[in-house]
């Protein structure tokens, strides 16, 4: 994401002739949305745990995978 924002600022400066401050203000909403969504996304993750990512053809597995307890032996 940060690489895209960097290149977007450079592109705005080159294509539209904006200075760095103006170009940064243009891309600020694109950076603010993921930052604003971090705290709400943490609540479901804390409650349910993260979900394992399966490789296709299964796709994402949207059920919790219970792993057997590790034996202490």
C-alpha atoms as a PDB file:
ATOM      1  CA  UNK A   1       0.000   0.000   0.000  1.00  0.00           C
ATOM      2  CA  UNK A   2       2.752   2.444   0.878  1.00  0.00           C
ATOM      3  CA  UNK A   3       4.488   1.839  -2.448  1.00  0.00           C
ATOM      4  CA  UNK A   4       1.280   2.657  -4.286  1.00  0.00           C
ATOM      5  CA  UNK A   5       0.807   5.846  -2.290  1.00  0.00           C
ATOM      6  CA  UNK A   6       4.378   6.884  -3.001  1.00  0.00           C
ATOM      7  CA  UNK A   7       3.977   6.327  -6.734  1.00  0.00           C
ATOM      8  CA  UNK A   8       0.567   8.014  -6.734  1.00  0.00           C
ATOM      9  CA  UNK A   9       2.076  11.139  -5.164  1.00  0.00           C
ATOM     10  CA  UNK A  10       4.856  11.153  -7.745  1.00  0.00           C
ATOM     11  CA  UNK A  11       2.331  10.701 -10.529  1.00  0.00           C
ATOM     12  CA  UNK A  12       0.184  13.569  -9.269  1.00  0.00           C
ATOM     13  CA  UNK A  13       3.212  15.805  -9.084  1.00  0.00           C
ATOM     14  CA  UNK A  14       4.249  14.904 -12.614  1.00  0.00           C
ATOM     15  CA  UNK A  15       0.875  14.740 -14.374  1.00  0.00           C
ATOM     16  CA  UNK A  16      -0.978  17.555 -12.643  1.00  0.00           C
ATOM     17  CA  UNK A  17       1.947  19.712 -11.668  1.00  0.00           C
ATOM     18  CA  UNK A  18       1.050  19.659  -7.974  1.00  0.00           C
ATOM     19  CA  UNK A  19       3.595  20.320  -5.272  1.00  0.00           C
ATOM     20  CA  UNK A  20       4.325  17.649  -2.663  1.00  0.00           C
ATOM     21  CA  UNK A  21       1.906  19.053  -0.084  1.00  0.00           C
ATOM     22  CA  UNK A  22      -1.032  19.179  -2.493  1.00  0.00           C
ATOM     23  CA  UNK A  23      -0.337  15.705  -3.864  1.00  0.00           C
ATOM     24  CA  UNK A  24      -0.127  14.336  -0.323  1.00  0.00           C
ATOM     25  CA  UNK A  25      -3.515  15.844   0.472  1.00  0.00           C
ATOM     26  CA  UNK A  26      -4.985  14.102  -2.580  1.00  0.00           C
ATOM     27  CA  UNK A  27      -3.885  10.631  -1.410  1.00  0.00           C
ATOM     28  CA  UNK A  28      -4.623  11.176   2.288  1.00  0.00           C
ATOM     29  CA  UNK A  29      -8.097   9.549   2.104  1.00  0.00           C
ATOM     30  CA  UNK A  30      -6.574   6.413   0.553  1.00  0.00           C
ATOM     31  CA  UNK A  31      -4.213   6.132   3.517  1.00  0.00           C
ATOM     32  CA  UNK A  32      -6.805   7.052   6.156  1.00  0.00           C
ATOM     33  CA  UNK A  33      -9.399   4.377   5.302  1.00  0.00           C
ATOM     34  CA  UNK A  34      -7.221   1.325   6.133  1.00  0.00           C
ATOM     35  CA  UNK A  35      -5.917   3.006   9.283  1.00  0.00           C
ATOM     36  CA  UNK A  36      -9.472   3.777  10.429  1.00  0.00           C
ATOM     37  CA  UNK A  37     -10.533   0.155   9.836  1.00  0.00           C
ATOM     38  CA  UNK A  38      -7.772  -1.424  11.904  1.00  0.00           C
ATOM     39  CA  UNK A  39      -9.438  -1.205  15.356  1.00  0.00           C
ATOM     40  CA  UNK A  40     -12.854  -2.551  14.229  1.00  0.00           C
ATOM     41  CA  UNK A  41     -11.171  -5.411  12.377  1.00  0.00           C
ATOM     42  CA  UNK A  42      -9.310  -6.446  15.511  1.00  0.00           C
ATOM     43  CA  UNK A  43     -12.444  -7.196  17.542  1.00  0.00           C
ATOM     44  CA  UNK A  44     -13.703 -10.134  15.439  1.00  0.00           C
ATOM     45  CA  UNK A  45     -10.185 -11.458  15.134  1.00  0.00           C
ATOM     46  CA  UNK A  46      -9.722 -11.368  18.894  1.00  0.00           C
ATOM     47  CA  UNK A  47     -13.085 -13.070  19.465  1.00  0.00           C
ATOM     48  CA  UNK A  48     -12.811 -15.841  16.867  1.00  0.00           C
ATOM     49  CA  UNK A  49      -9.126 -16.099  16.078  1.00  0.00           C
ATOM     50  CA  UNK A  50      -7.633 -15.740  12.657  1.00  0.00           C
ATOM     51  CA  UNK A  51      -8.787 -18.068   9.931  1.00  0.00           C
ATOM     52  CA  UNK A  52      -6.390 -20.281   7.990  1.00  0.00           C
ATOM     53  CA  UNK A  53      -6.021 -19.540   4.324  1.00  0.00           C
ATOM     54  CA  UNK A  54      -6.448 -22.595   2.145  1.00  0.00           C
ATOM     55  CA  UNK A  55      -5.064 -22.766  -1.350  1.00  0.00           C
ATOM     56  CA  UNK A  56      -7.537 -23.129  -4.272  1.00  0.00           C
ATOM     57  CA  UNK A  57      -9.802 -24.872  -5.158  1.00  0.00           C
ATOM     58  CA  UNK A  58     -11.069 -24.600  -1.577  1.00  0.00           C
ATOM     59  CA  UNK A  59     -10.557 -20.848  -1.209  1.00  0.00           C
ATOM     60  CA  UNK A  60     -10.884 -19.286   2.186  1.00  0.00           C
ATOM     61  CA  UNK A  61     -12.142 -21.571   4.915  1.00  0.00           C
ATOM     62  CA  UNK A  62     -14.646 -19.567   6.920  1.00  0.00           C
ATOM     63  CA  UNK A  63     -14.927 -22.011   9.767  1.00  0.00           C
ATOM     64  CA  UNK A  64     -12.718 -22.276  12.782  1.00  0.00           C
ATOM     65  CA  UNK A  65     -10.266 -25.132  12.626  1.00  0.00           C
ATOM     66  CA  UNK A  66      -9.879 -26.783  16.013  1.00  0.00           C
ATOM     67  CA  UNK A  67      -6.434 -28.197  16.401  1.00  0.00           C
ATOM     68  CA  UNK A  68      -5.766 -31.036  18.832  1.00  0.00           C
ATOM     69  CA  UNK A  69      -4.041 -30.040  22.051  1.00  0.00           C
ATOM     70  CA  UNK A  70      -0.310 -30.578  22.137  1.00  0.00           C
ATOM     71  CA  UNK A  71       0.755 -33.410  24.368  1.00  0.00           C
ATOM     72  CA  UNK A  72       3.384 -32.604  26.951  1.00  0.00           C
ATOM     73  CA  UNK A  73       5.320 -35.799  26.446  1.00  0.00           C
END
